[in-house]
Structures are given as C-alpha cells and as structure tokens.
C-alpha cells in the first residue's frame, strides 16, 4: 500500500500522513456491505477492484494500480481486518 500510494487518496487507520481525502476513508472497510457503493464487498471483487477499478466502474476516480494478483489479495485481506464499526 505504501509503494502504490493508497494514503495519497484514502485516509487509512494507523497512517497519520498523508491523509488523502479524494477517496473514502478505509476505516471500517471490513464491515461494509458494499464496495464503491455498488458491488458486494467480496474478496474476489475487492481484489479485482484493487488491480483495475475502472474495468468494473469506468466512471470511478480510482486508477488501475500496479499490483499483482497476490499483492492485491494481501491488501484485500488487510482491508478486511479494518472491521471497526
């Protein structure tokens, strides 16, 4: 997440700077029922979203990310640990 700069757009618990505001906060991600407000919050969709969000939602502001599928799965697993409500 550090290498690809997630915090430049998202507020991420445990990271004080930068605190991006272009995308939603990732606090409580694991407890959210929906991804991007329109897809079920499932590991396979989160992984696909992390790799190439515009392929799922062309209007999104999230760019394709330079992540391998394994890296995206790791990021998704970490995001699911953020289940604070």
PDB file of N, CA and C in Angstrom:
ATOM      1  N   UNK A   1       0.822  -1.181   0.000  1.00  0.00           N
ATOM      2  CA  UNK A   1       0.000   0.000   0.000  1.00  0.00           C
ATOM      3  C   UNK A   1       0.870   1.249   0.000  1.00  0.00           C
ATOM      4  N   UNK A   2       1.984   1.163   0.684  1.00  0.00           N
ATOM      5  CA  UNK A   2       2.884   2.314   0.702  1.00  0.00           C
ATOM      6  C   UNK A   2       3.473   2.551  -0.687  1.00  0.00           C
ATOM      7  N   UNK A   3       3.896   1.465  -1.353  1.00  0.00           N
ATOM      8  CA  UNK A   3       4.529   1.588  -2.668  1.00  0.00           C
ATOM      9  C   UNK A   3       3.598   2.216  -3.690  1.00  0.00           C
ATOM     10  N   UNK A   4       2.335   1.852  -3.679  1.00  0.00           N
ATOM     11  CA  UNK A   4       1.417   2.377  -4.688  1.00  0.00           C
ATOM     12  C   UNK A   4       0.697   3.642  -4.244  1.00  0.00           C
ATOM     13  N   UNK A   5       0.904   4.075  -2.999  1.00  0.00           N
ATOM     14  CA  UNK A   5       0.404   5.373  -2.554  1.00  0.00           C
ATOM     15  C   UNK A   5      -1.057   5.436  -2.178  1.00  0.00           C
ATOM     16  N   UNK A   6      -1.592   4.388  -1.596  1.00  0.00           N
ATOM     17  CA  UNK A   6      -3.008   4.379  -1.228  1.00  0.00           C
ATOM     18  C   UNK A   6      -3.399   5.564  -0.347  1.00  0.00           C
ATOM     19  N   UNK A   7      -2.513   5.939   0.567  1.00  0.00           N
ATOM     20  CA  UNK A   7      -2.824   7.023   1.504  1.00  0.00           C
ATOM     21  C   UNK A   7      -2.844   8.397   0.846  1.00  0.00           C
ATOM     22  N   UNK A   8      -2.390   8.490  -0.391  1.00  0.00           N
ATOM     23  CA  UNK A   8      -2.486   9.787  -1.054  1.00  0.00           C
ATOM     24  C   UNK A   8      -3.937  10.118  -1.397  1.00  0.00           C
ATOM     25  N   UNK A   9      -4.791   9.105  -1.489  1.00  0.00           N
ATOM     26  CA  UNK A   9      -6.215   9.330  -1.780  1.00  0.00           C
ATOM     27  C   UNK A   9      -7.143   8.912  -0.642  1.00  0.00           C
ATOM     28  N   UNK A  10      -6.700   7.989   0.207  1.00  0.00           N
ATOM     29  CA  UNK A  10      -7.558   7.453   1.266  1.00  0.00           C
ATOM     30  C   UNK A  10      -6.980   7.741   2.645  1.00  0.00           C
ATOM     31  N   UNK A  11      -7.872   8.017   3.591  1.00  0.00           N
ATOM     32  CA  UNK A  11      -7.476   8.050   4.995  1.00  0.00           C
ATOM     33  C   UNK A  11      -7.406   6.593   5.446  1.00  0.00           C
ATOM     34  N   UNK A  12      -6.260   6.219   6.015  1.00  0.00           N
ATOM     35  CA  UNK A  12      -6.031   4.838   6.402  1.00  0.00           C
ATOM     36  C   UNK A  12      -5.705   4.778   7.894  1.00  0.00           C
ATOM     37  N   UNK A  13      -6.466   3.987   8.656  1.00  0.00           N
ATOM     38  CA  UNK A  13      -6.173   3.863  10.082  1.00  0.00           C
ATOM     39  C   UNK A  13      -4.716   3.468  10.307  1.00  0.00           C
ATOM     40  N   UNK A  14      -4.067   4.173  11.238  1.00  0.00           N
ATOM     41  CA  UNK A  14      -2.679   3.875  11.578  1.00  0.00           C
ATOM     42  C   UNK A  14      -1.665   4.642  10.753  1.00  0.00           C
ATOM     43  N   UNK A  15      -2.113   5.358   9.745  1.00  0.00           N
ATOM     44  CA  UNK A  15      -1.213   6.175   8.934  1.00  0.00           C
ATOM     45  C   UNK A  15      -1.605   7.630   9.138  1.00  0.00           C
ATOM     46  N   UNK A  16      -0.692   8.396   9.725  1.00  0.00           N
ATOM     47  CA  UNK A  16      -1.002   9.781  10.046  1.00  0.00           C
ATOM     48  C   UNK A  16      -0.804  10.742   8.879  1.00  0.00           C
ATOM     49  N   UNK A  17       0.085  10.394   7.969  1.00  0.00           N
ATOM     50  CA  UNK A  17       0.341  11.269   6.829  1.00  0.00           C
ATOM     51  C   UNK A  17       0.828  10.452   5.661  1.00  0.00           C
ATOM     52  N   UNK A  18       0.403  10.707   4.483  1.00  0.00           N
ATOM     53  CA  UNK A  18      -0.662  11.653   4.135  1.00  0.00           C
ATOM     54  C   UNK A  18      -2.024  11.097   4.520  1.00  0.00           C
ATOM     55  N   UNK A  19      -2.978  11.972   4.581  1.00  0.00           N
ATOM     56  CA  UNK A  19      -4.355  11.571   4.884  1.00  0.00           C
ATOM     57  C   UNK A  19      -5.217  12.016   3.713  1.00  0.00           C
ATOM     58  N   UNK A  20      -5.213  11.225   2.691  1.00  0.00           N
ATOM     59  CA  UNK A  20      -5.937  11.570   1.476  1.00  0.00           C
ATOM     60  C   UNK A  20      -7.422  11.750   1.710  1.00  0.00           C
ATOM     61  N   UNK A  21      -8.020  12.607   0.907  1.00  0.00           N
ATOM     62  CA  UNK A  21      -9.451  12.867   1.023  1.00  0.00           C
ATOM     63  C   UNK A  21     -10.171  12.687  -0.312  1.00  0.00           C
ATOM     64  N   UNK A  22      -9.455  12.317  -1.361  1.00  0.00           N
ATOM     65  CA  UNK A  22     -10.088  12.134  -2.668  1.00  0.00           C
ATOM     66  C   UNK A  22     -10.981  10.897  -2.682  1.00  0.00           C
ATOM     67  N   UNK A  23     -10.561   9.856  -1.973  1.00  0.00           N
ATOM     68  CA  UNK A  23     -11.347   8.634  -1.862  1.00  0.00           C
ATOM     69  C   UNK A  23     -11.882   8.500  -0.454  1.00  0.00           C
ATOM     70  N   UNK A  24     -12.732   7.527  -0.211  1.00  0.00           N
ATOM     71  CA  UNK A  24     -13.300   7.355   1.126  1.00  0.00           C
ATOM     72  C   UNK A  24     -12.255   6.857   2.127  1.00  0.00           C
ATOM     73  N   UNK A  25     -12.537   7.126   3.394  1.00  0.00           N
ATOM     74  CA  UNK A  25     -11.719   6.570   4.458  1.00  0.00           C
ATOM     75  C   UNK A  25     -11.831   5.051   4.402  1.00  0.00           C
ATOM     76  N   UNK A  26     -10.758   4.366   4.721  1.00  0.00           N
ATOM     77  CA  UNK A  26     -10.778   2.910   4.740  1.00  0.00           C
ATOM     78  C   UNK A  26     -11.116   2.352   6.125  1.00  0.00           C
ATOM     79  N   UNK A  27     -11.335   3.242   7.091  1.00  0.00           N
ATOM     80  CA  UNK A  27     -11.733   2.809   8.431  1.00  0.00           C
ATOM     81  C   UNK A  27     -13.042   2.018   8.328  1.00  0.00           C
ATOM     82  N   UNK A  28     -13.064   0.852   8.923  1.00  0.00           N
ATOM     83  CA  UNK A  28     -14.258   0.027   8.946  1.00  0.00           C
ATOM     84  C   UNK A  28     -14.552  -0.693   7.640  1.00  0.00           C
ATOM     85  N   UNK A  29     -13.582  -0.746   6.742  1.00  0.00           N
ATOM     86  CA  UNK A  29     -13.806  -1.360   5.433  1.00  0.00           C
ATOM     87  C   UNK A  29     -14.365  -2.771   5.542  1.00  0.00           C
ATOM     88  N   UNK A  30     -13.837  -3.554   6.446  1.00  0.00           N
ATOM     89  CA  UNK A  30     -14.255  -4.944   6.578  1.00  0.00           C
ATOM     90  C   UNK A  30     -15.711  -5.124   6.966  1.00  0.00           C
ATOM     91  N   UNK A  31     -16.309  -4.103   7.570  1.00  0.00           N
ATOM     92  CA  UNK A  31     -17.704  -4.191   7.995  1.00  0.00           C
ATOM     93  C   UNK A  31     -18.675  -3.646   6.953  1.00  0.00           C
ATOM     94  N   UNK A  32     -18.170  -3.101   5.882  1.00  0.00           N
ATOM     95  CA  UNK A  32     -19.045  -2.513   4.859  1.00  0.00           C
ATOM     96  C   UNK A  32     -19.662  -3.601   3.978  1.00  0.00           C
ATOM     97  N   UNK A  33     -20.950  -3.490   3.711  1.00  0.00           N
ATOM     98  CA  UNK A  33     -21.587  -4.491   2.858  1.00  0.00           C
ATOM     99  C   UNK A  33     -21.297  -4.291   1.373  1.00  0.00           C
ATOM    100  N   UNK A  34     -20.933  -3.070   0.995  1.00  0.00           N
ATOM    101  CA  UNK A  34     -20.764  -2.755  -0.423  1.00  0.00           C
ATOM    102  C   UNK A  34     -19.374  -2.182  -0.702  1.00  0.00           C
ATOM    103  N   UNK A  35     -18.906  -2.423  -1.900  1.00  0.00           N
ATOM    104  CA  UNK A  35     -17.649  -1.882  -2.410  1.00  0.00           C
ATOM    105  C   UNK A  35     -18.015  -0.802  -3.417  1.00  0.00           C
ATOM    106  N   UNK A  36     -17.479   0.387  -3.219  1.00  0.00           N
ATOM    107  CA  UNK A  36     -17.748   1.519  -4.113  1.00  0.00           C
ATOM    108  C   UNK A  36     -19.247   1.814  -4.214  1.00  0.00           C
ATOM    109  N   UNK A  37     -19.998   1.418  -3.204  1.00  0.00           N
ATOM    110  CA  UNK A  37     -21.424   1.697  -3.173  1.00  0.00           C
ATOM    111  C   UNK A  37     -22.264   0.917  -4.165  1.00  0.00           C
ATOM    112  N   UNK A  38     -21.654  -0.073  -4.861  1.00  0.00           N
ATOM    113  CA  UNK A  38     -22.443  -0.776  -5.870  1.00  0.00           C
ATOM    114  C   UNK A  38     -22.130  -2.247  -6.058  1.00  0.00           C
ATOM    115  N   UNK A  39     -21.048  -2.741  -5.492  1.00  0.00           N
ATOM    116  CA  UNK A  39     -20.677  -4.146  -5.643  1.00  0.00           C
ATOM    117  C   UNK A  39     -20.657  -4.802  -4.265  1.00  0.00           C
ATOM    118  N   UNK A  40     -21.018  -6.077  -4.176  1.00  0.00           N
ATOM    119  CA  UNK A  40     -20.899  -6.773  -2.889  1.00  0.00           C
ATOM    120  C   UNK A  40     -19.439  -6.755  -2.420  1.00  0.00           C
ATOM    121  N   UNK A  41     -19.248  -6.533  -1.162  1.00  0.00           N
ATOM    122  CA  UNK A  41     -17.892  -6.484  -0.594  1.00  0.00           C
ATOM    123  C   UNK A  41     -17.399  -7.921  -0.408  1.00  0.00           C
ATOM    124  N   UNK A  42     -16.921  -8.485  -1.529  1.00  0.00           N
ATOM    125  CA  UNK A  42     -16.405  -9.859  -1.539  1.00  0.00           C
ATOM    126  C   UNK A  42     -14.930  -9.835  -1.904  1.00  0.00           C
ATOM    127  N   UNK A  43     -14.153 -10.780  -1.364  1.00  0.00           N
ATOM    128  CA  UNK A  43     -12.711 -10.790  -1.637  1.00  0.00           C
ATOM    129  C   UNK A  43     -12.348 -10.799  -3.119  1.00  0.00           C
ATOM    130  N   UNK A  44     -13.061 -11.566  -3.941  1.00  0.00           N
ATOM    131  CA  UNK A  44     -12.721 -11.604  -5.360  1.00  0.00           C
ATOM    132  C   UNK A  44     -12.952 -10.257  -6.036  1.00  0.00           C
ATOM    133  N   UNK A  45     -14.034  -9.574  -5.664  1.00  0.00           N
ATOM    134  CA  UNK A  45     -14.307  -8.263  -6.249  1.00  0.00           C
ATOM    135  C   UNK A  45     -13.357  -7.198  -5.720  1.00  0.00           C
ATOM    136  N   UNK A  46     -13.033  -7.269  -4.438  1.00  0.00           N
ATOM    137  CA  UNK A  46     -12.073  -6.305  -3.880  1.00  0.00           C
ATOM    138  C   UNK A  46     -10.722  -6.473  -4.570  1.00  0.00           C
ATOM    139  N   UNK A  47     -10.286  -7.695  -4.772  1.00  0.00           N
ATOM    140  CA  UNK A  47      -9.010  -7.949  -5.454  1.00  0.00           C
ATOM    141  C   UNK A  47      -9.041  -7.376  -6.869  1.00  0.00           C
ATOM    142  N   UNK A  48     -10.113  -7.650  -7.606  1.00  0.00           N
ATOM    143  CA  UNK A  48     -10.242  -7.109  -8.966  1.00  0.00           C
ATOM    144  C   UNK A  48     -10.279  -5.587  -8.940  1.00  0.00           C
ATOM    145  N   UNK A  49     -10.978  -5.013  -7.965  1.00  0.00           N
ATOM    146  CA  UNK A  49     -11.081  -3.556  -7.825  1.00  0.00           C
ATOM    147  C   UNK A  49      -9.707  -2.949  -7.569  1.00  0.00           C
ATOM    148  N   UNK A  50      -8.960  -3.558  -6.694  1.00  0.00           N
ATOM    149  CA  UNK A  50      -7.638  -3.025  -6.364  1.00  0.00           C
ATOM    150  C   UNK A  50      -6.705  -3.037  -7.578  1.00  0.00           C
ATOM    151  N   UNK A  51      -6.838  -4.026  -8.414  1.00  0.00           N
ATOM    152  CA  UNK A  51      -5.967  -4.128  -9.581  1.00  0.00           C
ATOM    153  C   UNK A  51      -6.413  -3.166 -10.685  1.00  0.00           C
ATOM    154  N   UNK A  52      -7.718  -3.133 -10.979  1.00  0.00           N
ATOM    155  CA  UNK A  52      -8.187  -2.321 -12.108  1.00  0.00           C
ATOM    156  C   UNK A  52      -9.628  -1.874 -11.886  1.00  0.00           C
ATOM    157  N   UNK A  53      -9.821  -0.933 -10.985  1.00  0.00           N
ATOM    158  CA  UNK A  53     -11.164  -0.435 -10.667  1.00  0.00           C
ATOM    159  C   UNK A  53     -11.920   0.076 -11.896  1.00  0.00           C
ATOM    160  N   UNK A  54     -11.269   0.805 -12.823  1.00  0.00           N
ATOM    161  CA  UNK A  54     -12.022   1.296 -13.981  1.00  0.00           C
ATOM    162  C   UNK A  54     -12.610   0.194 -14.872  1.00  0.00           C
ATOM    163  N   UNK A  55     -12.059  -1.012 -14.806  1.00  0.00           N
ATOM    164  CA  UNK A  55     -12.641  -2.090 -15.605  1.00  0.00           C
ATOM    165  C   UNK A  55     -14.003  -2.512 -15.048  1.00  0.00           C
ATOM    166  N   UNK A  56     -14.230  -2.261 -13.754  1.00  0.00           N
ATOM    167  CA  UNK A  56     -15.514  -2.569 -13.122  1.00  0.00           C
ATOM    168  C   UNK A  56     -16.459  -1.376 -13.142  1.00  0.00           C
ATOM    169  N   UNK A  57     -15.905  -0.181 -12.993  1.00  0.00           N
ATOM    170  CA  UNK A  57     -16.701   1.050 -12.944  1.00  0.00           C
ATOM    171  C   UNK A  57     -15.915   2.146 -13.667  1.00  0.00           C
ATOM    172  N   UNK A  58     -16.135   2.285 -14.973  1.00  0.00           N
ATOM    173  CA  UNK A  58     -15.348   3.245 -15.756  1.00  0.00           C
ATOM    174  C   UNK A  58     -15.377   4.679 -15.236  1.00  0.00           C
ATOM    175  N   UNK A  59     -16.424   5.041 -14.513  1.00  0.00           N
ATOM    176  CA  UNK A  59     -16.541   6.412 -14.009  1.00  0.00           C
ATOM    177  C   UNK A  59     -15.789   6.650 -12.696  1.00  0.00           C
ATOM    178  N   UNK A  60     -15.195   5.633 -12.120  1.00  0.00           N
ATOM    179  CA  UNK A  60     -14.515   5.777 -10.838  1.00  0.00           C
ATOM    180  C   UNK A  60     -13.293   6.689 -10.948  1.00  0.00           C
ATOM    181  N   UNK A  61     -12.974   7.320  -9.857  1.00  0.00           N
ATOM    182  CA  UNK A  61     -11.756   8.121  -9.802  1.00  0.00           C
ATOM    183  C   UNK A  61     -10.538   7.302  -9.409  1.00  0.00           C
ATOM    184  N   UNK A  62     -10.767   6.042  -9.024  1.00  0.00           N
ATOM    185  CA  UNK A  62      -9.643   5.195  -8.629  1.00  0.00           C
ATOM    186  C   UNK A  62      -8.944   4.654  -9.873  1.00  0.00           C
ATOM    187  N   UNK A  63      -7.657   4.893  -9.970  1.00  0.00           N
ATOM    188  CA  UNK A  63      -6.934   4.417 -11.153  1.00  0.00           C
ATOM    189  C   UNK A  63      -6.561   2.941 -11.030  1.00  0.00           C
ATOM    190  N   UNK A  64      -6.195   2.309 -12.145  1.00  0.00           N
ATOM    191  CA  UNK A  64      -5.620   0.965 -12.054  1.00  0.00           C
ATOM    192  C   UNK A  64      -4.359   1.040 -11.199  1.00  0.00           C
ATOM    193  N   UNK A  65      -4.133   0.019 -10.409  1.00  0.00           N
ATOM    194  CA  UNK A  65      -2.980   0.038  -9.507  1.00  0.00           C
ATOM    195  C   UNK A  65      -1.958  -1.012  -9.948  1.00  0.00           C
ATOM    196  N   UNK A  66      -0.682  -0.684  -9.792  1.00  0.00           N
ATOM    197  CA  UNK A  66       0.364  -1.636 -10.190  1.00  0.00           C
ATOM    198  C   UNK A  66       0.575  -2.721  -9.132  1.00  0.00           C
ATOM    199  N   UNK A  67      -0.423  -3.569  -8.990  1.00  0.00           N
ATOM    200  CA  UNK A  67      -0.380  -4.665  -8.019  1.00  0.00           C
ATOM    201  C   UNK A  67      -0.528  -5.991  -8.750  1.00  0.00           C
ATOM    202  N   UNK A  68       0.211  -6.980  -8.295  1.00  0.00           N
ATOM    203  CA  UNK A  68      -0.022  -8.328  -8.792  1.00  0.00           C
ATOM    204  C   UNK A  68      -1.287  -8.852  -8.127  1.00  0.00           C
ATOM    205  N   UNK A  69      -1.812  -9.943  -8.639  1.00  0.00           N
ATOM    206  CA  UNK A  69      -2.992 -10.517  -8.010  1.00  0.00           C
ATOM    207  C   UNK A  69      -2.688 -10.937  -6.573  1.00  0.00           C
ATOM    208  N   UNK A  70      -1.528 -11.497  -6.331  1.00  0.00           N
ATOM    209  CA  UNK A  70      -1.149 -11.901  -4.970  1.00  0.00           C
ATOM    210  C   UNK A  70      -1.061 -10.683  -4.052  1.00  0.00           C
ATOM    211  N   UNK A  71      -0.466  -9.607  -4.534  1.00  0.00           N
ATOM    212  CA  UNK A  71      -0.383  -8.385  -3.717  1.00  0.00           C
ATOM    213  C   UNK A  71      -1.776  -7.834  -3.434  1.00  0.00           C
ATOM    214  N   UNK A  72      -2.630  -7.827  -4.443  1.00  0.00           N
ATOM    215  CA  UNK A  72      -3.992  -7.324  -4.251  1.00  0.00           C
ATOM    216  C   UNK A  72      -4.760  -8.185  -3.250  1.00  0.00           C
ATOM    217  N   UNK A  73      -4.557  -9.492  -3.293  1.00  0.00           N
ATOM    218  CA  UNK A  73      -5.205 -10.365  -2.293  1.00  0.00           C
ATOM    219  C   UNK A  73      -4.703 -10.041  -0.891  1.00  0.00           C
ATOM    220  N   UNK A  74      -3.405  -9.772  -0.754  1.00  0.00           N
ATOM    221  CA  UNK A  74      -2.843  -9.400   0.552  1.00  0.00           C
ATOM    222  C   UNK A  74      -3.444  -8.086   1.047  1.00  0.00           C
ATOM    223  N   UNK A  75      -3.553  -7.110   0.149  1.00  0.00           N
ATOM    224  CA  UNK A  75      -4.152  -5.824   0.525  1.00  0.00           C
ATOM    225  C   UNK A  75      -5.607  -6.037   0.921  1.00  0.00           C
ATOM    226  N   UNK A  76      -6.335  -6.835   0.144  1.00  0.00           N
ATOM    227  CA  UNK A  76      -7.735  -7.115   0.470  1.00  0.00           C
ATOM    228  C   UNK A  76      -7.846  -7.763   1.848  1.00  0.00           C
ATOM    229  N   UNK A  77      -6.996  -8.723   2.142  1.00  0.00           N
ATOM    230  CA  UNK A  77      -7.023  -9.378   3.461  1.00  0.00           C
ATOM    231  C   UNK A  77      -6.789  -8.359   4.559  1.00  0.00           C
ATOM    232  N   UNK A  78      -5.856  -7.447   4.345  1.00  0.00           N
ATOM    233  CA  UNK A  78      -5.602  -6.406   5.351  1.00  0.00           C
ATOM    234  C   UNK A  78      -6.806  -5.490   5.481  1.00  0.00           C
ATOM    235  N   UNK A  79      -7.426  -5.111   4.354  1.00  0.00           N
ATOM    236  CA  UNK A  79      -8.604  -4.240   4.410  1.00  0.00           C
ATOM    237  C   UNK A  79      -9.724  -4.890   5.215  1.00  0.00           C
ATOM    238  N   UNK A  80      -9.876  -6.206   5.080  1.00  0.00           N
ATOM    239  CA  UNK A  80     -10.915  -6.886   5.856  1.00  0.00           C
ATOM    240  C   UNK A  80     -10.623  -6.896   7.354  1.00  0.00           C
ATOM    241  N   UNK A  81      -9.385  -6.658   7.737  1.00  0.00           N
ATOM    242  CA  UNK A  81      -9.073  -6.549   9.166  1.00  0.00           C
ATOM    243  C   UNK A  81      -9.558  -5.230   9.743  1.00  0.00           C
ATOM    244  N   UNK A  82      -9.899  -4.298   8.884  1.00  0.00           N
ATOM    245  CA  UNK A  82     -10.391  -2.985   9.313  1.00  0.00           C
ATOM    246  C   UNK A  82     -11.912  -3.055   9.462  1.00  0.00           C
ATOM    247  N   UNK A  83     -12.366  -3.795  10.461  1.00  0.00           N
ATOM    248  CA  UNK A  83     -13.804  -4.016  10.607  1.00  0.00           C
ATOM    249  C   UNK A  83     -14.426  -3.213  11.731  1.00  0.00           C
ATOM    250  N   UNK A  84     -13.709  -2.217  12.215  1.00  0.00           N
ATOM    251  CA  UNK A  84     -14.235  -1.360  13.275  1.00  0.00           C
ATOM    252  C   UNK A  84     -15.485  -0.651  12.776  1.00  0.00           C
ATOM    253  N   UNK A  85     -16.520  -0.695  13.585  1.00  0.00           N
ATOM    254  CA  UNK A  85     -17.787  -0.043  13.197  1.00  0.00           C
ATOM    255  C   UNK A  85     -17.932   1.278  13.892  1.00  0.00           C
TER     256      UNK A  85
END
